Amino acid sequence: MADELELILPDERHEAAALEYRREHFAHGERELHGSALLDRADSYAGWLALVEGNRSETTVFPGWVPATTFFAVRKNDGRIVGMIDVRHRLNGFLRNYGGHIGYGVHPSERRRGYAAEMLRLALSYCSSLGLDRVMISCNADNEGSRRTILRRGGVLEREFRHSGGTVQIYWIILSDGNGA
C-alpha cells in the first residue's frame, strides 16, 4: 500500500485537500504540522503556497530560512494527501542543531500503514538528486514510529538533547550506500 505514494508539489488545485489535512490534525489535538512549512500557521492557502514556492530558490527563500522543497505525499489510487514532507536543501545553524534536512508528518487517520517509511524513502531519493550525500533528521525520542522509520532507512544516532520537556534525537543517514535512494 505505501509504495503507491508519490510526492507532488503543492499548487492551487490542492487547496481544499490541504486545508482538510490541516483541520483533521487540529481536530486530533495536533497544533503543529510537521513537514508542512508552517501550513499550521498560515492565514491563507494562497499565502502559504507563495511561501513554499518562494522557498525553493536561494534567491527568493524567506529571510533566515534555507531553500527547501515542500511536498504533499499523495496516494496514487485516490489522490488523498496522506502526509507532508519538507526537504531542506542545506542546513543553517538552527537546522544543524535541531531540525535537520527533512521534516515530515502523516495524516492522523493514515498512520501505522507504512506511509512515513515510503515518504522518507522518496525524500531521500530527492535529496540524492540535490547532490546531498548524507542527511540529518531528528525526532522526539518518545516517537517510536518515527524513530523506527529513520532506523529502517539507515539512520545512525549522533546525539540526544533535552528540549521543551522531552528528548530529541539527531540521526544521520548516508545516501551513497543505497539506504535512502
N, C-alpha and C. Protein backbone atom coordinates (compact mmCIF):
# COMPACT_ATOMS: atom_id res chain seq x y z
N MET A 1 0.83 -1.20 0.00
CA MET A 1 0.00 0.00 0.00
C MET A 1 0.87 1.25 0.00
N ALA A 2 1.89 1.30 0.85
CA ALA A 2 2.70 2.51 0.96
C ALA A 2 3.46 2.81 -0.32
N ASP A 3 3.75 1.78 -1.14
CA ASP A 3 4.50 2.04 -2.36
C ASP A 3 3.65 2.71 -3.43
N GLU A 4 2.42 2.99 -3.12
CA GLU A 4 1.54 3.67 -4.06
C GLU A 4 1.46 5.16 -3.78
N LEU A 5 2.53 5.71 -3.21
CA LEU A 5 2.60 7.13 -2.92
C LEU A 5 3.46 7.84 -3.94
N GLU A 6 3.18 9.12 -4.10
CA GLU A 6 4.07 9.99 -4.86
C GLU A 6 4.16 11.31 -4.13
N LEU A 7 5.30 11.95 -4.28
CA LEU A 7 5.49 13.28 -3.72
C LEU A 7 5.19 14.29 -4.82
N ILE A 8 4.29 15.23 -4.51
CA ILE A 8 3.93 16.23 -5.51
C ILE A 8 4.07 17.62 -4.90
N LEU A 9 4.38 18.57 -5.75
CA LEU A 9 4.48 19.96 -5.31
C LEU A 9 3.08 20.52 -5.11
N PRO A 10 2.87 21.26 -4.04
CA PRO A 10 1.56 21.89 -3.82
C PRO A 10 1.26 22.91 -4.91
N ASP A 11 -0.01 23.00 -5.28
CA ASP A 11 -0.47 24.07 -6.17
C ASP A 11 -1.91 24.41 -5.82
N GLU A 12 -2.50 25.31 -6.59
CA GLU A 12 -3.85 25.82 -6.30
C GLU A 12 -4.89 24.71 -6.23
N ARG A 13 -4.72 23.66 -7.02
CA ARG A 13 -5.70 22.56 -7.06
C ARG A 13 -5.82 21.82 -5.74
N HIS A 14 -4.83 21.93 -4.88
CA HIS A 14 -4.80 21.16 -3.63
C HIS A 14 -5.36 21.91 -2.43
N GLU A 15 -5.88 23.09 -2.64
CA GLU A 15 -6.28 23.93 -1.51
C GLU A 15 -7.27 23.23 -0.57
N ALA A 16 -8.36 22.72 -1.10
CA ALA A 16 -9.38 22.09 -0.23
C ALA A 16 -8.80 20.89 0.52
N ALA A 17 -8.02 20.06 -0.17
CA ALA A 17 -7.44 18.87 0.46
C ALA A 17 -6.40 19.27 1.51
N ALA A 18 -5.62 20.31 1.23
CA ALA A 18 -4.61 20.75 2.19
C ALA A 18 -5.26 21.32 3.45
N LEU A 19 -6.31 22.10 3.26
CA LEU A 19 -6.99 22.67 4.42
C LEU A 19 -7.70 21.60 5.23
N GLU A 20 -8.21 20.58 4.57
CA GLU A 20 -8.81 19.45 5.28
C GLU A 20 -7.74 18.69 6.06
N TYR A 21 -6.58 18.50 5.47
CA TYR A 21 -5.44 17.87 6.14
C TYR A 21 -5.13 18.63 7.43
N ARG A 22 -5.06 19.94 7.33
CA ARG A 22 -4.79 20.79 8.50
C ARG A 22 -5.91 20.67 9.53
N ARG A 23 -7.16 20.75 9.09
CA ARG A 23 -8.30 20.65 10.02
C ARG A 23 -8.30 19.33 10.78
N GLU A 24 -7.99 18.25 10.10
CA GLU A 24 -8.01 16.96 10.79
C GLU A 24 -6.90 16.87 11.84
N HIS A 25 -5.74 17.43 11.56
CA HIS A 25 -4.69 17.47 12.59
C HIS A 25 -5.18 18.26 13.80
N PHE A 26 -5.75 19.43 13.54
CA PHE A 26 -6.24 20.26 14.64
C PHE A 26 -7.32 19.54 15.43
N ALA A 27 -8.25 18.88 14.74
CA ALA A 27 -9.31 18.13 15.41
C ALA A 27 -8.74 16.98 16.25
N HIS A 28 -7.58 16.50 15.86
CA HIS A 28 -6.90 15.41 16.56
C HIS A 28 -6.05 15.95 17.72
N GLY A 29 -6.11 17.27 17.94
CA GLY A 29 -5.36 17.89 19.03
C GLY A 29 -3.94 18.24 18.69
N GLU A 30 -3.57 18.16 17.44
CA GLU A 30 -2.21 18.47 16.99
C GLU A 30 -2.21 19.86 16.39
N ARG A 31 -1.48 20.77 17.01
CA ARG A 31 -1.44 22.16 16.55
C ARG A 31 -0.24 22.43 15.66
N GLU A 32 0.72 21.51 15.61
CA GLU A 32 1.90 21.67 14.76
C GLU A 32 1.88 20.59 13.68
N LEU A 33 1.97 21.01 12.44
CA LEU A 33 2.00 20.08 11.31
C LEU A 33 3.44 19.92 10.86
N HIS A 34 4.08 18.85 11.26
CA HIS A 34 5.47 18.59 10.92
C HIS A 34 5.61 18.46 9.41
N GLY A 35 6.69 19.05 8.88
CA GLY A 35 6.98 18.95 7.46
C GLY A 35 6.11 19.79 6.56
N SER A 36 5.38 20.75 7.14
CA SER A 36 4.40 21.49 6.35
C SER A 36 4.82 22.92 6.01
N ALA A 37 6.02 23.33 6.39
CA ALA A 37 6.48 24.70 6.13
C ALA A 37 5.46 25.72 6.65
N LEU A 38 4.96 25.46 7.84
CA LEU A 38 4.06 26.36 8.57
C LEU A 38 2.64 26.44 8.00
N LEU A 39 2.16 25.40 7.35
CA LEU A 39 0.76 25.37 6.94
C LEU A 39 -0.15 25.51 8.16
N ASP A 40 0.31 25.04 9.30
CA ASP A 40 -0.48 25.14 10.53
C ASP A 40 -0.69 26.58 10.97
N ARG A 41 0.18 27.50 10.56
CA ARG A 41 0.08 28.90 10.97
C ARG A 41 -0.38 29.84 9.85
N ALA A 42 -0.59 29.32 8.67
CA ALA A 42 -0.91 30.15 7.51
C ALA A 42 -2.28 30.80 7.65
N ASP A 43 -2.34 32.08 7.30
CA ASP A 43 -3.62 32.81 7.27
C ASP A 43 -4.45 32.42 6.07
N SER A 44 -3.77 32.08 4.98
CA SER A 44 -4.49 31.67 3.77
C SER A 44 -3.66 30.64 3.02
N TYR A 45 -4.33 29.80 2.27
CA TYR A 45 -3.63 28.82 1.46
C TYR A 45 -2.79 29.52 0.39
N ALA A 46 -3.32 30.56 -0.22
CA ALA A 46 -2.59 31.28 -1.26
C ALA A 46 -1.29 31.87 -0.70
N GLY A 47 -1.35 32.43 0.49
CA GLY A 47 -0.15 32.97 1.11
C GLY A 47 0.87 31.89 1.43
N TRP A 48 0.38 30.76 1.94
CA TRP A 48 1.27 29.63 2.23
C TRP A 48 1.90 29.11 0.95
N LEU A 49 1.11 28.99 -0.09
CA LEU A 49 1.60 28.49 -1.37
C LEU A 49 2.71 29.41 -1.91
N ALA A 50 2.52 30.71 -1.80
CA ALA A 50 3.55 31.66 -2.24
C ALA A 50 4.83 31.47 -1.42
N LEU A 51 4.69 31.21 -0.12
CA LEU A 51 5.84 30.97 0.74
C LEU A 51 6.62 29.74 0.29
N VAL A 52 5.93 28.60 0.09
CA VAL A 52 6.66 27.38 -0.27
C VAL A 52 7.24 27.47 -1.68
N GLU A 53 6.56 28.16 -2.57
CA GLU A 53 7.12 28.35 -3.91
C GLU A 53 8.38 29.21 -3.85
N GLY A 54 8.33 30.28 -3.06
CA GLY A 54 9.50 31.14 -2.90
C GLY A 54 10.66 30.46 -2.20
N ASN A 55 10.35 29.53 -1.31
CA ASN A 55 11.40 28.86 -0.55
C ASN A 55 12.20 27.86 -1.36
N ARG A 56 11.76 27.54 -2.56
CA ARG A 56 12.50 26.58 -3.39
C ARG A 56 13.79 27.15 -3.96
N SER A 57 13.95 28.45 -3.94
CA SER A 57 15.09 29.09 -4.58
C SER A 57 15.92 29.87 -3.57
N GLU A 58 17.22 29.82 -3.76
CA GLU A 58 18.14 30.57 -2.91
C GLU A 58 17.87 32.07 -2.99
N THR A 59 17.43 32.55 -4.14
CA THR A 59 17.22 33.99 -4.32
C THR A 59 15.89 34.49 -3.76
N THR A 60 14.93 33.60 -3.55
CA THR A 60 13.62 34.03 -3.06
C THR A 60 13.21 33.41 -1.73
N VAL A 61 14.11 32.66 -1.10
CA VAL A 61 13.79 31.98 0.16
C VAL A 61 13.46 33.02 1.24
N PHE A 62 12.53 32.68 2.12
CA PHE A 62 12.12 33.53 3.23
C PHE A 62 13.36 33.89 4.06
N PRO A 63 13.52 35.15 4.45
CA PRO A 63 14.70 35.57 5.22
C PRO A 63 14.92 34.70 6.47
N GLY A 64 16.16 34.25 6.65
CA GLY A 64 16.52 33.42 7.79
C GLY A 64 16.30 31.94 7.57
N TRP A 65 15.65 31.58 6.47
CA TRP A 65 15.40 30.18 6.14
C TRP A 65 16.42 29.72 5.11
N VAL A 66 16.43 28.42 4.85
CA VAL A 66 17.26 27.87 3.78
C VAL A 66 16.33 27.40 2.66
N PRO A 67 16.84 27.29 1.44
CA PRO A 67 15.99 26.76 0.37
C PRO A 67 15.46 25.38 0.75
N ALA A 68 14.20 25.14 0.43
CA ALA A 68 13.55 23.89 0.78
C ALA A 68 12.45 23.58 -0.23
N THR A 69 12.16 22.32 -0.36
CA THR A 69 11.05 21.88 -1.20
C THR A 69 10.05 21.16 -0.31
N THR A 70 8.82 21.64 -0.33
CA THR A 70 7.75 21.04 0.45
C THR A 70 6.86 20.24 -0.49
N PHE A 71 6.59 19.01 -0.10
CA PHE A 71 5.78 18.11 -0.91
C PHE A 71 4.55 17.64 -0.15
N PHE A 72 3.49 17.38 -0.89
CA PHE A 72 2.39 16.57 -0.39
C PHE A 72 2.73 15.13 -0.75
N ALA A 73 2.50 14.21 0.17
CA ALA A 73 2.58 12.78 -0.13
C ALA A 73 1.16 12.35 -0.46
N VAL A 74 0.96 11.94 -1.69
CA VAL A 74 -0.38 11.67 -2.21
C VAL A 74 -0.49 10.20 -2.58
N ARG A 75 -1.58 9.60 -2.15
CA ARG A 75 -1.86 8.22 -2.52
C ARG A 75 -2.33 8.21 -3.98
N LYS A 76 -1.68 7.41 -4.80
CA LYS A 76 -1.95 7.42 -6.24
C LYS A 76 -3.36 6.97 -6.60
N ASN A 77 -3.89 5.99 -5.88
CA ASN A 77 -5.18 5.43 -6.31
C ASN A 77 -6.38 6.33 -6.05
N ASP A 78 -6.26 7.28 -5.09
CA ASP A 78 -7.42 8.15 -4.84
C ASP A 78 -7.04 9.63 -4.70
N GLY A 79 -5.75 9.96 -4.81
CA GLY A 79 -5.32 11.35 -4.76
C GLY A 79 -5.36 11.98 -3.38
N ARG A 80 -5.55 11.20 -2.34
CA ARG A 80 -5.64 11.74 -0.98
C ARG A 80 -4.26 12.13 -0.46
N ILE A 81 -4.19 13.29 0.18
CA ILE A 81 -2.96 13.71 0.86
C ILE A 81 -2.86 12.89 2.15
N VAL A 82 -1.84 12.04 2.23
CA VAL A 82 -1.65 11.22 3.43
C VAL A 82 -0.54 11.77 4.32
N GLY A 83 0.21 12.74 3.79
CA GLY A 83 1.28 13.33 4.58
C GLY A 83 1.91 14.50 3.88
N MET A 84 2.83 15.13 4.59
CA MET A 84 3.62 16.23 4.04
C MET A 84 5.06 16.02 4.44
N ILE A 85 5.96 16.47 3.57
CA ILE A 85 7.38 16.32 3.86
C ILE A 85 8.12 17.53 3.29
N ASP A 86 9.01 18.05 4.10
CA ASP A 86 9.77 19.25 3.76
C ASP A 86 11.24 18.86 3.68
N VAL A 87 11.86 19.10 2.52
CA VAL A 87 13.27 18.78 2.31
C VAL A 87 14.05 20.08 2.25
N ARG A 88 14.93 20.29 3.23
CA ARG A 88 15.78 21.48 3.24
C ARG A 88 17.04 21.16 2.46
N HIS A 89 17.37 22.03 1.52
CA HIS A 89 18.47 21.76 0.60
C HIS A 89 19.84 21.86 1.26
N ARG A 90 19.92 22.55 2.37
CA ARG A 90 21.15 22.65 3.15
C ARG A 90 20.76 22.98 4.58
N LEU A 91 21.74 22.97 5.46
CA LEU A 91 21.49 23.28 6.87
C LEU A 91 22.04 24.65 7.23
N ASN A 92 21.32 25.34 8.10
CA ASN A 92 21.86 26.54 8.75
C ASN A 92 22.12 26.16 10.21
N GLY A 93 22.49 27.11 11.04
CA GLY A 93 22.80 26.80 12.44
C GLY A 93 21.64 26.16 13.18
N PHE A 94 20.44 26.73 13.04
CA PHE A 94 19.29 26.16 13.73
C PHE A 94 19.01 24.74 13.28
N LEU A 95 18.98 24.52 11.97
CA LEU A 95 18.68 23.17 11.47
C LEU A 95 19.77 22.18 11.84
N ARG A 96 21.02 22.62 11.88
CA ARG A 96 22.11 21.71 12.26
C ARG A 96 22.01 21.33 13.73
N ASN A 97 21.52 22.24 14.54
CA ASN A 97 21.40 21.95 15.97
C ASN A 97 20.10 21.26 16.34
N TYR A 98 19.08 21.40 15.51
CA TYR A 98 17.78 20.91 15.94
C TYR A 98 16.98 20.17 14.87
N GLY A 99 16.77 20.77 13.72
CA GLY A 99 15.76 20.26 12.81
C GLY A 99 16.19 19.27 11.75
N GLY A 100 17.31 19.51 11.10
CA GLY A 100 17.78 18.61 10.06
C GLY A 100 17.31 18.96 8.66
N HIS A 101 17.63 18.08 7.73
CA HIS A 101 17.27 18.27 6.32
C HIS A 101 15.82 17.95 6.01
N ILE A 102 15.19 17.10 6.81
CA ILE A 102 13.86 16.60 6.48
C ILE A 102 12.94 16.68 7.69
N GLY A 103 11.75 17.19 7.44
CA GLY A 103 10.68 17.14 8.43
C GLY A 103 9.47 16.54 7.75
N TYR A 104 8.73 15.70 8.44
CA TYR A 104 7.57 15.08 7.81
C TYR A 104 6.49 14.78 8.83
N GLY A 105 5.30 14.64 8.33
CA GLY A 105 4.16 14.26 9.15
C GLY A 105 3.17 13.46 8.33
N VAL A 106 2.40 12.64 9.02
CA VAL A 106 1.41 11.79 8.36
C VAL A 106 0.03 12.13 8.91
N HIS A 107 -0.93 12.14 8.04
CA HIS A 107 -2.34 12.39 8.37
C HIS A 107 -2.73 11.48 9.54
N PRO A 108 -3.37 12.01 10.58
CA PRO A 108 -3.70 11.18 11.75
C PRO A 108 -4.44 9.87 11.42
N SER A 109 -5.35 9.91 10.49
CA SER A 109 -6.11 8.69 10.17
C SER A 109 -5.37 7.74 9.24
N GLU A 110 -4.17 8.11 8.81
CA GLU A 110 -3.41 7.28 7.87
C GLU A 110 -2.13 6.71 8.49
N ARG A 111 -1.96 6.88 9.78
CA ARG A 111 -0.74 6.41 10.44
C ARG A 111 -0.72 4.90 10.60
N ARG A 112 0.50 4.39 10.79
CA ARG A 112 0.75 2.96 11.01
C ARG A 112 0.37 2.11 9.79
N ARG A 113 0.59 2.68 8.61
CA ARG A 113 0.33 1.94 7.37
C ARG A 113 1.55 1.92 6.47
N GLY A 114 2.69 2.37 6.98
CA GLY A 114 3.92 2.38 6.20
C GLY A 114 4.14 3.62 5.36
N TYR A 115 3.25 4.60 5.47
CA TYR A 115 3.40 5.80 4.65
C TYR A 115 4.64 6.61 5.00
N ALA A 116 4.95 6.76 6.28
CA ALA A 116 6.12 7.55 6.67
C ALA A 116 7.39 6.95 6.08
N ALA A 117 7.52 5.63 6.11
CA ALA A 117 8.71 4.98 5.55
C ALA A 117 8.82 5.24 4.05
N GLU A 118 7.71 5.17 3.35
CA GLU A 118 7.74 5.41 1.91
C GLU A 118 8.00 6.88 1.62
N MET A 119 7.40 7.78 2.39
CA MET A 119 7.66 9.21 2.22
C MET A 119 9.15 9.50 2.42
N LEU A 120 9.73 8.93 3.45
CA LEU A 120 11.14 9.17 3.72
C LEU A 120 12.00 8.59 2.60
N ARG A 121 11.66 7.42 2.11
CA ARG A 121 12.42 6.83 1.00
C ARG A 121 12.40 7.75 -0.21
N LEU A 122 11.23 8.25 -0.56
CA LEU A 122 11.11 9.15 -1.71
C LEU A 122 11.87 10.45 -1.47
N ALA A 123 11.80 10.98 -0.25
CA ALA A 123 12.51 12.22 0.07
C ALA A 123 14.01 12.02 0.02
N LEU A 124 14.49 10.88 0.47
CA LEU A 124 15.93 10.61 0.42
C LEU A 124 16.42 10.52 -1.02
N SER A 125 15.61 9.96 -1.87
CA SER A 125 15.94 9.93 -3.29
C SER A 125 16.02 11.35 -3.85
N TYR A 126 15.09 12.20 -3.44
CA TYR A 126 15.13 13.60 -3.86
C TYR A 126 16.39 14.29 -3.32
N CYS A 127 16.75 14.00 -2.08
CA CYS A 127 17.98 14.57 -1.50
C CYS A 127 19.20 14.17 -2.34
N SER A 128 19.23 12.93 -2.78
CA SER A 128 20.33 12.50 -3.65
C SER A 128 20.37 13.31 -4.93
N SER A 129 19.20 13.60 -5.48
CA SER A 129 19.14 14.39 -6.72
C SER A 129 19.63 15.82 -6.51
N LEU A 130 19.57 16.30 -5.27
CA LEU A 130 20.09 17.62 -4.93
C LEU A 130 21.60 17.62 -4.74
N GLY A 131 22.20 16.42 -4.74
CA GLY A 131 23.64 16.31 -4.55
C GLY A 131 24.07 16.06 -3.13
N LEU A 132 23.10 15.86 -2.24
CA LEU A 132 23.45 15.57 -0.84
C LEU A 132 23.97 14.14 -0.74
N ASP A 133 24.99 13.93 0.08
CA ASP A 133 25.48 12.57 0.28
C ASP A 133 25.12 12.01 1.65
N ARG A 134 24.65 12.91 2.53
CA ARG A 134 24.15 12.47 3.82
C ARG A 134 23.10 13.47 4.28
N VAL A 135 22.19 12.99 5.10
CA VAL A 135 21.03 13.77 5.51
C VAL A 135 20.86 13.66 7.01
N MET A 136 20.62 14.81 7.64
CA MET A 136 20.33 14.83 9.08
C MET A 136 18.82 14.88 9.26
N ILE A 137 18.35 14.10 10.24
CA ILE A 137 16.92 14.08 10.54
C ILE A 137 16.77 13.90 12.05
N SER A 138 15.75 14.54 12.61
CA SER A 138 15.55 14.46 14.06
C SER A 138 14.15 13.93 14.36
N CYS A 139 14.00 13.42 15.57
CA CYS A 139 12.68 13.04 16.06
C CYS A 139 12.69 13.07 17.58
N ASN A 140 11.52 13.14 18.14
CA ASN A 140 11.41 13.03 19.60
C ASN A 140 11.67 11.58 19.98
N ALA A 141 12.42 11.40 21.05
CA ALA A 141 12.80 10.05 21.48
C ALA A 141 11.58 9.18 21.78
N ASP A 142 10.48 9.80 22.21
CA ASP A 142 9.29 9.01 22.54
C ASP A 142 8.40 8.74 21.32
N ASN A 143 8.81 9.18 20.14
CA ASN A 143 8.06 8.91 18.91
C ASN A 143 8.62 7.63 18.28
N GLU A 144 8.16 6.51 18.80
CA GLU A 144 8.68 5.20 18.40
C GLU A 144 8.54 4.96 16.89
N GLY A 145 7.42 5.35 16.31
CA GLY A 145 7.21 5.13 14.88
C GLY A 145 8.21 5.89 14.04
N SER A 146 8.45 7.15 14.36
CA SER A 146 9.40 7.94 13.61
C SER A 146 10.82 7.41 13.79
N ARG A 147 11.15 7.06 15.00
CA ARG A 147 12.49 6.51 15.27
C ARG A 147 12.73 5.24 14.46
N ARG A 148 11.75 4.35 14.45
CA ARG A 148 11.89 3.10 13.68
C ARG A 148 11.99 3.38 12.18
N THR A 149 11.22 4.37 11.71
CA THR A 149 11.27 4.72 10.30
C THR A 149 12.67 5.21 9.93
N ILE A 150 13.24 6.07 10.75
CA ILE A 150 14.59 6.60 10.49
C ILE A 150 15.62 5.47 10.53
N LEU A 151 15.53 4.61 11.52
CA LEU A 151 16.46 3.49 11.62
C LEU A 151 16.33 2.55 10.42
N ARG A 152 15.13 2.32 9.96
CA ARG A 152 14.88 1.44 8.81
C ARG A 152 15.56 1.97 7.55
N ARG A 153 15.73 3.27 7.48
CA ARG A 153 16.38 3.91 6.32
C ARG A 153 17.87 4.12 6.55
N GLY A 154 18.41 3.50 7.59
CA GLY A 154 19.85 3.56 7.82
C GLY A 154 20.31 4.65 8.76
N GLY A 155 19.40 5.28 9.48
CA GLY A 155 19.76 6.35 10.40
C GLY A 155 20.70 5.88 11.49
N VAL A 156 21.72 6.71 11.76
CA VAL A 156 22.68 6.44 12.82
C VAL A 156 22.57 7.59 13.82
N LEU A 157 22.31 7.23 15.06
CA LEU A 157 22.14 8.23 16.11
C LEU A 157 23.46 8.98 16.35
N GLU A 158 23.39 10.31 16.26
CA GLU A 158 24.55 11.15 16.55
C GLU A 158 24.53 11.65 17.98
N ARG A 159 23.35 12.12 18.42
CA ARG A 159 23.26 12.69 19.76
C ARG A 159 21.81 12.83 20.18
N GLU A 160 21.65 13.08 21.47
CA GLU A 160 20.35 13.37 22.06
C GLU A 160 20.49 14.63 22.90
N PHE A 161 19.38 15.36 23.03
CA PHE A 161 19.39 16.52 23.91
C PHE A 161 17.96 16.78 24.40
N ARG A 162 17.87 17.50 25.50
CA ARG A 162 16.58 17.86 26.09
C ARG A 162 16.07 19.13 25.43
N HIS A 163 14.77 19.13 25.11
CA HIS A 163 14.15 20.31 24.51
C HIS A 163 12.65 20.28 24.83
N SER A 164 12.15 21.37 25.37
CA SER A 164 10.71 21.51 25.67
C SER A 164 10.17 20.34 26.47
N GLY A 165 10.92 19.90 27.46
CA GLY A 165 10.45 18.84 28.35
C GLY A 165 10.59 17.43 27.80
N GLY A 166 11.18 17.28 26.62
CA GLY A 166 11.37 15.96 26.04
C GLY A 166 12.79 15.79 25.55
N THR A 167 13.05 14.62 25.01
CA THR A 167 14.37 14.32 24.46
C THR A 167 14.26 14.25 22.94
N VAL A 168 15.15 14.96 22.27
CA VAL A 168 15.22 14.96 20.82
C VAL A 168 16.44 14.14 20.41
N GLN A 169 16.26 13.32 19.39
CA GLN A 169 17.36 12.51 18.86
C GLN A 169 17.73 13.03 17.47
N ILE A 170 19.03 13.11 17.21
CA ILE A 170 19.55 13.54 15.91
C ILE A 170 20.20 12.34 15.24
N TYR A 171 19.76 12.05 14.01
CA TYR A 171 20.28 10.94 13.23
C TYR A 171 20.88 11.45 11.93
N TRP A 172 21.81 10.69 11.38
CA TRP A 172 22.36 10.93 10.05
C TRP A 172 22.10 9.68 9.21
N ILE A 173 21.71 9.91 7.97
CA ILE A 173 21.51 8.84 7.00
C ILE A 173 22.48 9.10 5.85
N ILE A 174 23.32 8.12 5.55
CA ILE A 174 24.27 8.21 4.44
C ILE A 174 23.53 7.76 3.18
N LEU A 175 23.55 8.59 2.15
CA LEU A 175 22.80 8.28 0.93
C LEU A 175 23.60 7.47 -0.08
N SER A 176 24.92 7.55 -0.03
CA SER A 176 25.73 6.91 -1.05
C SER A 176 25.77 5.39 -0.96
N ASP A 177 25.29 4.79 0.16
CA ASP A 177 25.36 3.35 0.28
C ASP A 177 24.03 2.65 -0.03
N GLY A 178 23.08 3.39 -0.59
CA GLY A 178 21.84 2.77 -1.02
C GLY A 178 20.76 2.69 0.01
N ASN A 179 20.99 3.19 1.25
CA ASN A 179 19.95 3.13 2.27
C ASN A 179 18.75 3.98 1.94
N GLY A 180 18.98 5.12 1.37
CA GLY A 180 17.88 6.03 1.16
C GLY A 180 17.41 6.11 -0.26
N ALA A 181 18.35 6.12 -1.18
CA ALA A 181 17.96 6.39 -2.57
C ALA A 181 17.70 5.14 -3.35
